[in-house]
Amino acid sequence: MGPFSPWQLAILVVVLVLLFGAKKLPDAARSLGRSMKIFKAETKGLREDDGADSTAGASSESAAPAASDPDMRQLPTTQASATRTDKSDGTSSDEQIADLQRQLNEMKGNADEPHRNAS
């Protein structure tokens, strides 16, 4: 019969309805279902990536992910050359770190945009 009796389940449902309201419960269940679907898709993708990485050779490992993954984009040459000129100008390492952190945050934001548009 399980760890809960029917009476305990009924009481639990009543408490949930009283706490969250009948209107919010379907929305919460729907968002939980979407989250689980996304989680399953991501873990499946990670498993496939791990399987592909373990079977691929060392030389093809570095070339294959960059070619097949659309999220792996090369930075524009203007940003790369700007970073090189910053280093030659004698800027402090703290400024370089801050600049690199800013660029990383921009790249993360750009990487998340396709995921936001898809949902």
PDB file of N, CA and C in Angstrom:
ATOM      1  N   MET A   1       0.821  -1.195   0.000  1.00  0.00           N
ATOM      2  CA  MET A   1       0.000   0.000   0.000  1.00  0.00           C
ATOM      3  C   MET A   1       0.861   1.254   0.000  1.00  0.00           C
ATOM      4  N   GLY A   2       2.073   1.148   0.456  1.00  0.00           N
ATOM      5  CA  GLY A   2       2.967   2.292   0.420  1.00  0.00           C
ATOM      6  C   GLY A   2       3.146   2.914   1.789  1.00  0.00           C
ATOM      7  N   PRO A   3       3.935   3.935   1.840  1.00  0.00           N
ATOM      8  CA  PRO A   3       4.228   4.563   3.126  1.00  0.00           C
ATOM      9  C   PRO A   3       3.072   5.419   3.661  1.00  0.00           C
ATOM     10  N   PHE A   4       2.123   5.805   2.794  1.00  0.00           N
ATOM     11  CA  PHE A   4       1.018   6.655   3.237  1.00  0.00           C
ATOM     12  C   PHE A   4      -0.312   5.930   3.060  1.00  0.00           C
ATOM     13  N   SER A   5      -1.193   6.133   4.017  1.00  0.00           N
ATOM     14  CA  SER A   5      -2.545   5.591   3.880  1.00  0.00           C
ATOM     15  C   SER A   5      -3.387   6.601   3.092  1.00  0.00           C
ATOM     16  N   PRO A   6      -4.555   6.189   2.603  1.00  0.00           N
ATOM     17  CA  PRO A   6      -5.407   7.119   1.855  1.00  0.00           C
ATOM     18  C   PRO A   6      -5.809   8.347   2.681  1.00  0.00           C
ATOM     19  N   TRP A   7      -6.015   8.164   3.986  1.00  0.00           N
ATOM     20  CA  TRP A   7      -6.384   9.299   4.831  1.00  0.00           C
ATOM     21  C   TRP A   7      -5.239  10.306   4.922  1.00  0.00           C
ATOM     22  N   GLN A   8      -4.025   9.810   5.029  1.00  0.00           N
ATOM     23  CA  GLN A   8      -2.878  10.716   5.101  1.00  0.00           C
ATOM     24  C   GLN A   8      -2.711  11.493   3.792  1.00  0.00           C
ATOM     25  N   LEU A   9      -2.934  10.830   2.670  1.00  0.00           N
ATOM     26  CA  LEU A   9      -2.842  11.510   1.383  1.00  0.00           C
ATOM     27  C   LEU A   9      -3.931  12.571   1.231  1.00  0.00           C
ATOM     28  N   ALA A  10      -5.140  12.253   1.690  1.00  0.00           N
ATOM     29  CA  ALA A  10      -6.239  13.217   1.615  1.00  0.00           C
ATOM     30  C   ALA A  10      -5.935  14.446   2.466  1.00  0.00           C
ATOM     31  N   ILE A  11      -5.416  14.236   3.649  1.00  0.00           N
ATOM     32  CA  ILE A  11      -5.063  15.359   4.530  1.00  0.00           C
ATOM     33  C   ILE A  11      -3.952  16.189   3.893  1.00  0.00           C
ATOM     34  N   LEU A  12      -2.982  15.536   3.281  1.00  0.00           N
ATOM     35  CA  LEU A  12      -1.889  16.239   2.621  1.00  0.00           C
ATOM     36  C   LEU A  12      -2.404  17.107   1.475  1.00  0.00           C
ATOM     37  N   VAL A  13      -3.346  16.587   0.688  1.00  0.00           N
ATOM     38  CA  VAL A  13      -3.922  17.352  -0.415  1.00  0.00           C
ATOM     39  C   VAL A  13      -4.684  18.560   0.116  1.00  0.00           C
ATOM     40  N   VAL A  14      -5.458  18.386   1.173  1.00  0.00           N
ATOM     41  CA  VAL A  14      -6.212  19.499   1.760  1.00  0.00           C
ATOM     42  C   VAL A  14      -5.259  20.576   2.266  1.00  0.00           C
ATOM     43  N   VAL A  15      -4.190  20.180   2.929  1.00  0.00           N
ATOM     44  CA  VAL A  15      -3.217  21.150   3.443  1.00  0.00           C
ATOM     45  C   VAL A  15      -2.561  21.905   2.286  1.00  0.00           C
ATOM     46  N   LEU A  16      -2.206  21.206   1.216  1.00  0.00           N
ATOM     47  CA  LEU A  16      -1.596  21.870   0.064  1.00  0.00           C
ATOM     48  C   LEU A  16      -2.546  22.875  -0.576  1.00  0.00           C
ATOM     49  N   VAL A  17      -3.817  22.495  -0.707  1.00  0.00           N
ATOM     50  CA  VAL A  17      -4.797  23.412  -1.291  1.00  0.00           C
ATOM     51  C   VAL A  17      -4.975  24.631  -0.400  1.00  0.00           C
ATOM     52  N   LEU A  18      -5.006  24.437   0.906  1.00  0.00           N
ATOM     53  CA  LEU A  18      -5.157  25.566   1.819  1.00  0.00           C
ATOM     54  C   LEU A  18      -3.928  26.473   1.804  1.00  0.00           C
ATOM     55  N   LEU A  19      -2.750  25.891   1.720  1.00  0.00           N
ATOM     56  CA  LEU A  19      -1.529  26.697   1.735  1.00  0.00           C
ATOM     57  C   LEU A  19      -1.324  27.461   0.435  1.00  0.00           C
ATOM     58  N   PHE A  20      -1.465  26.787  -0.679  1.00  0.00           N
ATOM     59  CA  PHE A  20      -1.113  27.401  -1.949  1.00  0.00           C
ATOM     60  C   PHE A  20      -2.307  27.879  -2.754  1.00  0.00           C
ATOM     61  N   GLY A  21      -3.472  27.446  -2.444  1.00  0.00           N
ATOM     62  CA  GLY A  21      -4.651  27.847  -3.191  1.00  0.00           C
ATOM     63  C   GLY A  21      -4.852  26.972  -4.410  1.00  0.00           C
ATOM     64  N   ALA A  22      -6.097  26.792  -4.774  1.00  0.00           N
ATOM     65  CA  ALA A  22      -6.433  25.904  -5.890  1.00  0.00           C
ATOM     66  C   ALA A  22      -5.945  26.467  -7.219  1.00  0.00           C
ATOM     67  N   LYS A  23      -5.793  27.774  -7.310  1.00  0.00           N
ATOM     68  CA  LYS A  23      -5.379  28.389  -8.566  1.00  0.00           C
ATOM     69  C   LYS A  23      -3.887  28.198  -8.830  1.00  0.00           C
ATOM     70  N   LYS A  24      -3.068  28.219  -7.791  1.00  0.00           N
ATOM     71  CA  LYS A  24      -1.618  28.136  -7.976  1.00  0.00           C
ATOM     72  C   LYS A  24      -1.117  26.707  -8.155  1.00  0.00           C
ATOM     73  N   LEU A  25      -1.833  25.727  -7.666  1.00  0.00           N
ATOM     74  CA  LEU A  25      -1.366  24.342  -7.746  1.00  0.00           C
ATOM     75  C   LEU A  25      -1.216  23.831  -9.183  1.00  0.00           C
ATOM     76  N   PRO A  26      -2.175  24.059 -10.098  1.00  0.00           N
ATOM     77  CA  PRO A  26      -1.957  23.596 -11.478  1.00  0.00           C
ATOM     78  C   PRO A  26      -0.767  24.286 -12.148  1.00  0.00           C
ATOM     79  N   ASP A  27      -0.594  25.581 -11.867  1.00  0.00           N
ATOM     80  CA  ASP A  27       0.550  26.293 -12.433  1.00  0.00           C
ATOM     81  C   ASP A  27       1.859  25.733 -11.899  1.00  0.00           C
ATOM     82  N   ALA A  28       1.891  25.426 -10.616  1.00  0.00           N
ATOM     83  CA  ALA A  28       3.103  24.860 -10.021  1.00  0.00           C
ATOM     84  C   ALA A  28       3.396  23.479 -10.597  1.00  0.00           C
ATOM     85  N   ALA A  29       2.365  22.670 -10.775  1.00  0.00           N
ATOM     86  CA  ALA A  29       2.558  21.334 -11.347  1.00  0.00           C
ATOM     87  C   ALA A  29       3.022  21.428 -12.796  1.00  0.00           C
ATOM     88  N   ARG A  30       2.478  22.376 -13.536  1.00  0.00           N
ATOM     89  CA  ARG A  30       2.875  22.559 -14.932  1.00  0.00           C
ATOM     90  C   ARG A  30       4.334  22.991 -15.028  1.00  0.00           C
ATOM     91  N   SER A  31       4.741  23.945 -14.202  1.00  0.00           N
ATOM     92  CA  SER A  31       6.133  24.398 -14.245  1.00  0.00           C
ATOM     93  C   SER A  31       7.084  23.304 -13.772  1.00  0.00           C
ATOM     94  N   LEU A  32       6.648  22.494 -12.811  1.00  0.00           N
ATOM     95  CA  LEU A  32       7.474  21.368 -12.363  1.00  0.00           C
ATOM     96  C   LEU A  32       7.643  20.351 -13.492  1.00  0.00           C
ATOM     97  N   GLY A  33       6.581  20.095 -14.230  1.00  0.00           N
ATOM     98  CA  GLY A  33       6.664  19.177 -15.365  1.00  0.00           C
ATOM     99  C   GLY A  33       7.597  19.686 -16.445  1.00  0.00           C
ATOM    100  N   ARG A  34       7.533  20.983 -16.741  1.00  0.00           N
ATOM    101  CA  ARG A  34       8.448  21.567 -17.728  1.00  0.00           C
ATOM    102  C   ARG A  34       9.890  21.458 -17.258  1.00  0.00           C
ATOM    103  N   SER A  35      10.112  21.736 -15.992  1.00  0.00           N
ATOM    104  CA  SER A  35      11.470  21.656 -15.449  1.00  0.00           C
ATOM    105  C   SER A  35      12.010  20.239 -15.536  1.00  0.00           C
ATOM    106  N   MET A  36      11.178  19.260 -15.219  1.00  0.00           N
ATOM    107  CA  MET A  36      11.616  17.865 -15.301  1.00  0.00           C
ATOM    108  C   MET A  36      11.921  17.473 -16.748  1.00  0.00           C
ATOM    109  N   LYS A  37      11.114  17.958 -17.694  1.00  0.00           N
ATOM    110  CA  LYS A  37      11.346  17.652 -19.102  1.00  0.00           C
ATOM    111  C   LYS A  37      12.676  18.240 -19.567  1.00  0.00           C
ATOM    112  N   ILE A  38      12.958  19.470 -19.180  1.00  0.00           N
ATOM    113  CA  ILE A  38      14.222  20.110 -19.538  1.00  0.00           C
ATOM    114  C   ILE A  38      15.383  19.379 -18.891  1.00  0.00           C
ATOM    115  N   PHE A  39      15.226  19.015 -17.629  1.00  0.00           N
ATOM    116  CA  PHE A  39      16.286  18.302 -16.912  1.00  0.00           C
ATOM    117  C   PHE A  39      16.598  16.970 -17.586  1.00  0.00           C
ATOM    118  N   LYS A  40      15.558  16.221 -17.960  1.00  0.00           N
ATOM    119  CA  LYS A  40      15.771  14.933 -18.629  1.00  0.00           C
ATOM    120  C   LYS A  40      16.471  15.121 -19.967  1.00  0.00           C
ATOM    121  N   ALA A  41      16.079  16.147 -20.715  1.00  0.00           N
ATOM    122  CA  ALA A  41      16.707  16.394 -22.015  1.00  0.00           C
ATOM    123  C   ALA A  41      18.183  16.755 -21.846  1.00  0.00           C
ATOM    124  N   GLU A  42      18.487  17.571 -20.836  1.00  0.00           N
ATOM    125  CA  GLU A  42      19.877  17.964 -20.605  1.00  0.00           C
ATOM    126  C   GLU A  42      20.724  16.782 -20.158  1.00  0.00           C
ATOM    127  N   THR A  43      20.199  15.945 -19.266  1.00  0.00           N
ATOM    128  CA  THR A  43      20.985  14.794 -18.819  1.00  0.00           C
ATOM    129  C   THR A  43      21.177  13.802 -19.962  1.00  0.00           C
ATOM    130  N   LYS A  44      20.171  13.662 -20.823  1.00  0.00           N
ATOM    131  CA  LYS A  44      20.324  12.781 -21.985  1.00  0.00           C
ATOM    132  C   LYS A  44      21.398  13.330 -22.916  1.00  0.00           C
ATOM    133  N   GLY A  45      21.408  14.643 -23.105  1.00  0.00           N
ATOM    134  CA  GLY A  45      22.433  15.266 -23.936  1.00  0.00           C
ATOM    135  C   GLY A  45      23.821  15.088 -23.352  1.00  0.00           C
ATOM    136  N   LEU A  46      23.932  15.201 -22.031  1.00  0.00           N
ATOM    137  CA  LEU A  46      25.231  15.003 -21.386  1.00  0.00           C
ATOM    138  C   LEU A  46      25.702  13.568 -21.541  1.00  0.00           C
ATOM    139  N   ARG A  47      24.782  12.615 -21.402  1.00  0.00           N
ATOM    140  CA  ARG A  47      25.159  11.211 -21.575  1.00  0.00           C
ATOM    141  C   ARG A  47      25.634  10.950 -22.995  1.00  0.00           C
ATOM    142  N   GLU A  48      24.936  11.533 -23.975  1.00  0.00           N
ATOM    143  CA  GLU A  48      25.342  11.356 -25.369  1.00  0.00           C
ATOM    144  C   GLU A  48      26.698  12.001 -25.625  1.00  0.00           C
ATOM    145  N   ASP A  49      26.926  13.176 -25.039  1.00  0.00           N
ATOM    146  CA  ASP A  49      28.216  13.841 -25.192  1.00  0.00           C
ATOM    147  C   ASP A  49      29.327  13.018 -24.567  1.00  0.00           C
ATOM    148  N   ASP A  50      29.074  12.457 -23.384  1.00  0.00           N
ATOM    149  CA  ASP A  50      30.084  11.632 -22.722  1.00  0.00           C
ATOM    150  C   ASP A  50      30.382  10.386 -23.543  1.00  0.00           C
ATOM    151  N   GLY A  51      29.365   9.782 -24.102  1.00  0.00           N
ATOM    152  CA  GLY A  51      29.561   8.594 -24.928  1.00  0.00           C
ATOM    153  C   GLY A  51      30.340   8.915 -26.191  1.00  0.00           C
ATOM    154  N   ALA A  52      30.061  10.050 -26.801  1.00  0.00           N
ATOM    155  CA  ALA A  52      30.771  10.451 -28.015  1.00  0.00           C
ATOM    156  C   ALA A  52      32.218  10.801 -27.698  1.00  0.00           C
ATOM    157  N   ASP A  53      32.461  11.437 -26.550  1.00  0.00           N
ATOM    158  CA  ASP A  53      33.819  11.819 -26.172  1.00  0.00           C
ATOM    159  C   ASP A  53      34.672  10.607 -25.856  1.00  0.00           C
ATOM    160  N   SER A  54      34.092   9.598 -25.223  1.00  0.00           N
ATOM    161  CA  SER A  54      34.890   8.436 -24.840  1.00  0.00           C
ATOM    162  C   SER A  54      35.257   7.585 -26.048  1.00  0.00           C
ATOM    163  N   THR A  55      34.446   7.592 -27.104  1.00  0.00           N
ATOM    164  CA  THR A  55      34.751   6.786 -28.282  1.00  0.00           C
ATOM    165  C   THR A  55      35.599   7.533 -29.298  1.00  0.00           C
ATOM    166  N   ALA A  56      35.620   8.857 -29.242  1.00  0.00           N
ATOM    167  CA  ALA A  56      36.374   9.644 -30.214  1.00  0.00           C
ATOM    168  C   ALA A  56      37.856   9.640 -29.866  1.00  0.00           C
ATOM    169  N   GLY A  57      38.692   9.812 -30.881  1.00  0.00           N
ATOM    170  CA  GLY A  57      40.135   9.882 -30.670  1.00  0.00           C
ATOM    171  C   GLY A  57      40.532  11.235 -30.114  1.00  0.00           C
ATOM    172  N   ALA A  58      41.760  11.354 -29.671  1.00  0.00           N
ATOM    173  CA  ALA A  58      42.237  12.595 -29.069  1.00  0.00           C
ATOM    174  C   ALA A  58      42.281  13.721 -30.090  1.00  0.00           C
ATOM    175  N   SER A  59      42.648  13.436 -31.325  1.00  0.00           N
ATOM    176  CA  SER A  59      42.736  14.494 -32.324  1.00  0.00           C
ATOM    177  C   SER A  59      41.356  14.937 -32.793  1.00  0.00           C
ATOM    178  N   SER A  60      40.433  14.009 -32.935  1.00  0.00           N
ATOM    179  CA  SER A  60      39.099  14.380 -33.385  1.00  0.00           C
ATOM    180  C   SER A  60      38.267  14.969 -32.259  1.00  0.00           C
ATOM    181  N   GLU A  61      38.674  14.766 -31.019  1.00  0.00           N
ATOM    182  CA  GLU A  61      37.929  15.293 -29.882  1.00  0.00           C
ATOM    183  C   GLU A  61      37.906  16.809 -29.904  1.00  0.00           C
ATOM    184  N   SER A  62      39.017  17.443 -30.218  1.00  0.00           N
ATOM    185  CA  SER A  62      39.071  18.895 -30.188  1.00  0.00           C
ATOM    186  C   SER A  62      38.366  19.508 -31.387  1.00  0.00           C
ATOM    187  N   ALA A  63      38.320  18.828 -32.522  1.00  0.00           N
ATOM    188  CA  ALA A  63      37.705  19.389 -33.715  1.00  0.00           C
ATOM    189  C   ALA A  63      36.205  19.131 -33.770  1.00  0.00           C
ATOM    190  N   ALA A  64      35.740  17.978 -33.330  1.00  0.00           N
ATOM    191  CA  ALA A  64      34.339  17.599 -33.469  1.00  0.00           C
ATOM    192  C   ALA A  64      33.386  18.471 -32.660  1.00  0.00           C
ATOM    193  N   PRO A  65      33.618  18.746 -31.363  1.00  0.00           N
ATOM    194  CA  PRO A  65      32.649  19.550 -30.629  1.00  0.00           C
ATOM    195  C   PRO A  65      32.504  20.957 -31.190  1.00  0.00           C
ATOM    196  N   ALA A  66      33.579  21.562 -31.646  1.00  0.00           N
ATOM    197  CA  ALA A  66      33.495  22.917 -32.173  1.00  0.00           C
ATOM    198  C   ALA A  66      32.696  22.943 -33.469  1.00  0.00           C
ATOM    199  N   ALA A  67      32.812  21.914 -34.282  1.00  0.00           N
ATOM    200  CA  ALA A  67      32.116  21.891 -35.557  1.00  0.00           C
ATOM    201  C   ALA A  67      30.648  21.523 -35.391  1.00  0.00           C
ATOM    202  N   SER A  68      30.320  20.637 -34.461  1.00  0.00           N
ATOM    203  CA  SER A  68      28.954  20.150 -34.353  1.00  0.00           C
ATOM    204  C   SER A  68      28.084  20.963 -33.411  1.00  0.00           C
ATOM    205  N   ASP A  69      28.655  21.678 -32.471  1.00  0.00           N
ATOM    206  CA  ASP A  69      27.879  22.395 -31.473  1.00  0.00           C
ATOM    207  C   ASP A  69      27.654  23.834 -31.920  1.00  0.00           C
ATOM    208  N   PRO A  70      26.398  24.239 -32.203  1.00  0.00           N
ATOM    209  CA  PRO A  70      26.155  25.608 -32.651  1.00  0.00           C
ATOM    210  C   PRO A  70      26.380  26.637 -31.554  1.00  0.00           C
ATOM    211  N   ASP A  71      26.363  26.218 -30.282  1.00  0.00           N
ATOM    212  CA  ASP A  71      26.595  27.168 -29.202  1.00  0.00           C
ATOM    213  C   ASP A  71      28.058  27.550 -29.071  1.00  0.00           C
ATOM    214  N   MET A  72      28.942  26.731 -29.631  1.00  0.00           N
ATOM    215  CA  MET A  72      30.368  27.018 -29.567  1.00  0.00           C
ATOM    216  C   MET A  72      30.709  27.956 -30.719  1.00  0.00           C
ATOM    217  N   ARG A  73      30.723  29.226 -30.445  1.00  0.00           N
ATOM    218  CA  ARG A  73      31.015  30.208 -31.479  1.00  0.00           C
ATOM    219  C   ARG A  73      32.360  30.844 -31.203  1.00  0.00           C
ATOM    220  N   GLN A  74      33.015  31.245 -32.270  1.00  0.00           N
ATOM    221  CA  GLN A  74      34.295  31.906 -32.116  1.00  0.00           C
ATOM    222  C   GLN A  74      34.030  33.382 -31.865  1.00  0.00           C
ATOM    223  N   LEU A  75      34.832  33.966 -30.991  1.00  0.00           N
ATOM    224  CA  LEU A  75      34.697  35.384 -30.708  1.00  0.00           C
ATOM    225  C   LEU A  75      35.049  36.194 -31.946  1.00  0.00           C
ATOM    226  N   PRO A  76      34.401  37.334 -32.139  1.00  0.00           N
ATOM    227  CA  PRO A  76      34.795  38.195 -33.250  1.00  0.00           C
ATOM    228  C   PRO A  76      36.246  38.637 -33.079  1.00  0.00           C
ATOM    229  N   THR A  77      36.905  38.895 -34.195  1.00  0.00           N
ATOM    230  CA  THR A  77      38.322  39.248 -34.140  1.00  0.00           C
ATOM    231  C   THR A  77      38.541  40.595 -33.478  1.00  0.00           C
ATOM    232  N   THR A  78      37.544  41.461 -33.476  1.00  0.00           N
ATOM    233  CA  THR A  78      37.726  42.766 -32.848  1.00  0.00           C
ATOM    234  C   THR A  78      37.913  42.627 -31.348  1.00  0.00           C
ATOM    235  N   GLN A  79      37.166  41.728 -30.707  1.00  0.00           N
ATOM    236  CA  GLN A  79      37.332  41.538 -29.270  1.00  0.00           C
ATOM    237  C   GLN A  79      38.669  40.901 -28.959  1.00  0.00           C
ATOM    238  N   ALA A  80      39.096  39.954 -29.774  1.00  0.00           N
ATOM    239  CA  ALA A  80      40.369  39.287 -29.531  1.00  0.00           C
ATOM    240  C   ALA A  80      41.521  40.259 -29.703  1.00  0.00           C
ATOM    241  N   SER A  81      41.467  41.111 -30.730  1.00  0.00           N
ATOM    242  CA  SER A  81      42.554  42.061 -30.924  1.00  0.00           C
ATOM    243  C   SER A  81      42.531  43.128 -29.844  1.00  0.00           C
ATOM    244  N   ALA A  82      41.339  43.496 -29.354  1.00  0.00           N
ATOM    245  CA  ALA A  82      41.265  44.480 -28.277  1.00  0.00           C
ATOM    246  C   ALA A  82      41.889  43.929 -27.009  1.00  0.00           C
ATOM    247  N   THR A  83      41.701  42.659 -26.755  1.00  0.00           N
ATOM    248  CA  THR A  83      42.300  42.049 -25.575  1.00  0.00           C
ATOM    249  C   THR A  83      43.815  42.045 -25.700  1.00  0.00           C
ATOM    250  N   ARG A  84      44.328  41.758 -26.891  1.00  0.00           N
ATOM    251  CA  ARG A  84      45.775  41.741 -27.082  1.00  0.00           C
ATOM    252  C   ARG A  84      46.357  43.133 -26.917  1.00  0.00           C
ATOM    253  N   THR A  85      45.669  44.170 -27.394  1.00  0.00           N
ATOM    254  CA  THR A  85      46.209  45.515 -27.253  1.00  0.00           C
ATOM    255  C   THR A  85      46.162  45.962 -25.807  1.00  0.00           C
ATOM    256  N   ASP A  86      45.156  45.507 -25.037  1.00  0.00           N
ATOM    257  CA  ASP A  86      45.107  45.855 -23.624  1.00  0.00           C
ATOM    258  C   ASP A  86      46.334  45.335 -22.898  1.00  0.00           C
ATOM    259  N   LYS A  87      46.740  44.132 -23.222  1.00  0.00           N
ATOM    260  CA  LYS A  87      47.890  43.542 -22.549  1.00  0.00           C
ATOM    261  C   LYS A  87      49.166  44.291 -22.898  1.00  0.00           C
ATOM    262  N   SER A  88      49.282  44.749 -24.146  1.00  0.00           N
ATOM    263  CA  SER A  88      50.497  45.442 -24.551  1.00  0.00           C
ATOM    264  C   SER A  88      50.531  46.872 -24.025  1.00  0.00           C
ATOM    265  N   ASP A  89      49.380  47.438 -23.647  1.00  0.00           N
ATOM    266  CA  ASP A  89      49.342  48.796 -23.124  1.00  0.00           C
ATOM    267  C   ASP A  89      49.845  48.871 -21.700  1.00  0.00           C
ATOM    268  N   GLY A  90      50.011  47.753 -21.045  1.00  0.00           N
ATOM    269  CA  GLY A  90      50.516  47.756 -19.681  1.00  0.00           C
ATOM    270  C   GLY A  90      49.418  47.920 -18.641  1.00  0.00           C
ATOM    271  N   THR A  91      48.192  47.506 -18.951  1.00  0.00           N
ATOM    272  CA  THR A  91      47.130  47.596 -17.958  1.00  0.00           C
ATOM    273  C   THR A  91      47.397  46.595 -16.847  1.00  0.00           C
ATOM    274  N   SER A  92      46.855  46.880 -15.708  1.00  0.00           N
ATOM    275  CA  SER A  92      47.089  46.003 -14.561  1.00  0.00           C
ATOM    276  C   SER A  92      46.350  44.682 -14.742  1.00  0.00           C
ATOM    277  N   SER A  93      46.802  43.694 -14.034  1.00  0.00           N
ATOM    278  CA  SER A  93      46.167  42.378 -14.142  1.00  0.00           C
ATOM    279  C   SER A  93      44.744  42.410 -13.594  1.00  0.00           C
ATOM    280  N   ASP A  94      44.468  43.271 -12.610  1.00  0.00           N
ATOM    281  CA  ASP A  94      43.105  43.381 -12.076  1.00  0.00           C
ATOM    282  C   ASP A  94      42.152  43.907 -13.147  1.00  0.00           C
ATOM    283  N   GLU A  95      42.618  44.869 -13.936  1.00  0.00           N
ATOM    284  CA  GLU A  95      41.780  45.398 -15.007  1.00  0.00           C
ATOM    285  C   GLU A  95      41.553  44.344 -16.086  1.00  0.00           C
ATOM    286  N   GLN A  96      42.592  43.577 -16.382  1.00  0.00           N
ATOM    287  CA  GLN A  96      42.457  42.517 -17.373  1.00  0.00           C
ATOM    288  C   GLN A  96      41.481  41.451 -16.893  1.00  0.00           C
ATOM    289  N   ILE A  97      41.566  41.116 -15.611  1.00  0.00           N
ATOM    290  CA  ILE A  97      40.649  40.124 -15.044  1.00  0.00           C
ATOM    291  C   ILE A  97      39.216  40.634 -15.110  1.00  0.00           C
ATOM    292  N   ALA A  98      39.015  41.902 -14.764  1.00  0.00           N
ATOM    293  CA  ALA A  98      37.673  42.480 -14.809  1.00  0.00           C
ATOM    294  C   ALA A  98      37.137  42.476 -16.240  1.00  0.00           C
ATOM    295  N   ASP A  99      37.997  42.811 -17.210  1.00  0.00           N
ATOM    296  CA  ASP A  99      37.585  42.820 -18.606  1.00  0.00           C
ATOM    297  C   ASP A  99      37.231  41.412 -19.082  1.00  0.00           C
ATOM    298  N   LEU A 100      38.047  40.436 -18.724  1.00  0.00           N
ATOM    299  CA  LEU A 100      37.762  39.054 -19.108  1.00  0.00           C
ATOM    300  C   LEU A 100      36.488  38.540 -18.447  1.00  0.00           C
ATOM    301  N   GLN A 101      36.259  38.938 -17.194  1.00  0.00           N
ATOM    302  CA  GLN A 101      35.039  38.524 -16.498  1.00  0.00           C
ATOM    303  C   GLN A 101      33.814  39.121 -17.179  1.00  0.00           C
ATOM    304  N   ARG A 102      33.929  40.379 -17.603  1.00  0.00           N
ATOM    305  CA  ARG A 102      32.824  41.030 -18.307  1.00  0.00           C
ATOM    306  C   ARG A 102      32.539  40.306 -19.623  1.00  0.00           C
ATOM    307  N   GLN A 103      33.595  39.959 -20.357  1.00  0.00           N
ATOM    308  CA  GLN A 103      33.416  39.241 -21.616  1.00  0.00           C
ATOM    309  C   GLN A 103      32.786  37.875 -21.387  1.00  0.00           C
ATOM    310  N   LEU A 104      33.198  37.200 -20.324  1.00  0.00           N
ATOM    311  CA  LEU A 104      32.623  35.894 -19.999  1.00  0.00           C
ATOM    312  C   LEU A 104      31.138  36.016 -19.689  1.00  0.00           C
ATOM    313  N   ASN A 105      30.766  37.035 -18.920  1.00  0.00           N
ATOM    314  CA  ASN A 105      29.353  37.240 -18.588  1.00  0.00           C
ATOM    315  C   ASN A 105      28.536  37.533 -19.842  1.00  0.00           C
ATOM    316  N   GLU A 106      29.112  38.307 -20.786  1.00  0.00           N
ATOM    317  CA  GLU A 106      28.416  38.582 -22.039  1.00  0.00           C
ATOM    318  C   GLU A 106      28.230  37.304 -22.847  1.00  0.00           C
ATOM    319  N   MET A 107      29.266  36.467 -22.873  1.00  0.00           N
ATOM    320  CA  MET A 107      29.167  35.218 -23.620  1.00  0.00           C
ATOM    321  C   MET A 107      28.136  34.291 -22.998  1.00  0.00           C
ATOM    322  N   LYS A 108      28.085  34.242 -21.658  1.00  0.00           N
ATOM    323  CA  LYS A 108      27.082  33.415 -20.991  1.00  0.00           C
ATOM    324  C   LYS A 108      25.683  33.925 -21.308  1.00  0.00           C
ATOM    325  N   GLY A 109      25.510  35.240 -21.308  1.00  0.00           N
ATOM    326  CA  GLY A 109      24.215  35.822 -21.636  1.00  0.00           C
ATOM    327  C   GLY A 109      23.798  35.499 -23.055  1.00  0.00           C
ATOM    328  N   ASN A 110      24.757  35.557 -23.992  1.00  0.00           N
ATOM    329  CA  ASN A 110      24.459  35.222 -25.385  1.00  0.00           C
ATOM    330  C   ASN A 110      24.143  33.750 -25.535  1.00  0.00           C
ATOM    331  N   ALA A 111      24.783  32.906 -24.762  1.00  0.00           N
ATOM    332  CA  ALA A 111      24.532  31.467 -24.848  1.00  0.00           C
ATOM    333  C   ALA A 111      23.156  31.120 -24.295  1.00  0.00           C
ATOM    334  N   ASP A 112      22.660  31.877 -23.322  1.00  0.00           N
ATOM    335  CA  ASP A 112      21.363  31.593 -22.714  1.00  0.00           C
ATOM    336  C   ASP A 112      20.210  32.120 -23.556  1.00  0.00           C
ATOM    337  N   GLU A 113      20.452  33.084 -24.447  1.00  0.00           N
ATOM    338  CA  GLU A 113      19.372  33.659 -25.238  1.00  0.00           C
ATOM    339  C   GLU A 113      18.635  32.640 -26.101  1.00  0.00           C
ATOM    340  N   PRO A 114      19.312  31.730 -26.809  1.00  0.00           N
ATOM    341  CA  PRO A 114      18.538  30.750 -27.595  1.00  0.00           C
ATOM    342  C   PRO A 114      17.661  29.860 -26.725  1.00  0.00           C
ATOM    343  N   HIS A 115      18.121  29.544 -25.506  1.00  0.00           N
ATOM    344  CA  HIS A 115      17.322  28.708 -24.613  1.00  0.00           C
ATOM    345  C   HIS A 115      16.091  29.466 -24.135  1.00  0.00           C
ATOM    346  N   ARG A 116      16.221  30.755 -23.899  1.00  0.00           N
ATOM    347  CA  ARG A 116      15.074  31.547 -23.455  1.00  0.00           C
ATOM    348  C   ARG A 116      14.056  31.683 -24.574  1.00  0.00           C
ATOM    349  N   ASN A 117      14.527  31.882 -25.807  1.00  0.00           N
ATOM    350  CA  ASN A 117      13.614  32.036 -26.935  1.00  0.00           C
ATOM    351  C   ASN A 117      12.890  30.743 -27.253  1.00  0.00           C
ATOM    352  N   ALA A 118      13.508  29.611 -26.975  1.00  0.00           N
ATOM    353  CA  ALA A 118      12.899  28.314 -27.286  1.00  0.00           C
ATOM    354  C   ALA A 118      11.739  27.996 -26.360  1.00  0.00           C
ATOM    355  N   SER A 119      11.775  28.493 -25.129  1.00  0.00           N
ATOM    356  CA  SER A 119      10.709  28.143 -24.187  1.00  0.00           C
ATOM    357  C   SER A 119       9.624  29.151 -24.144  1.00  0.00           C
TER     358      SER A 119
END
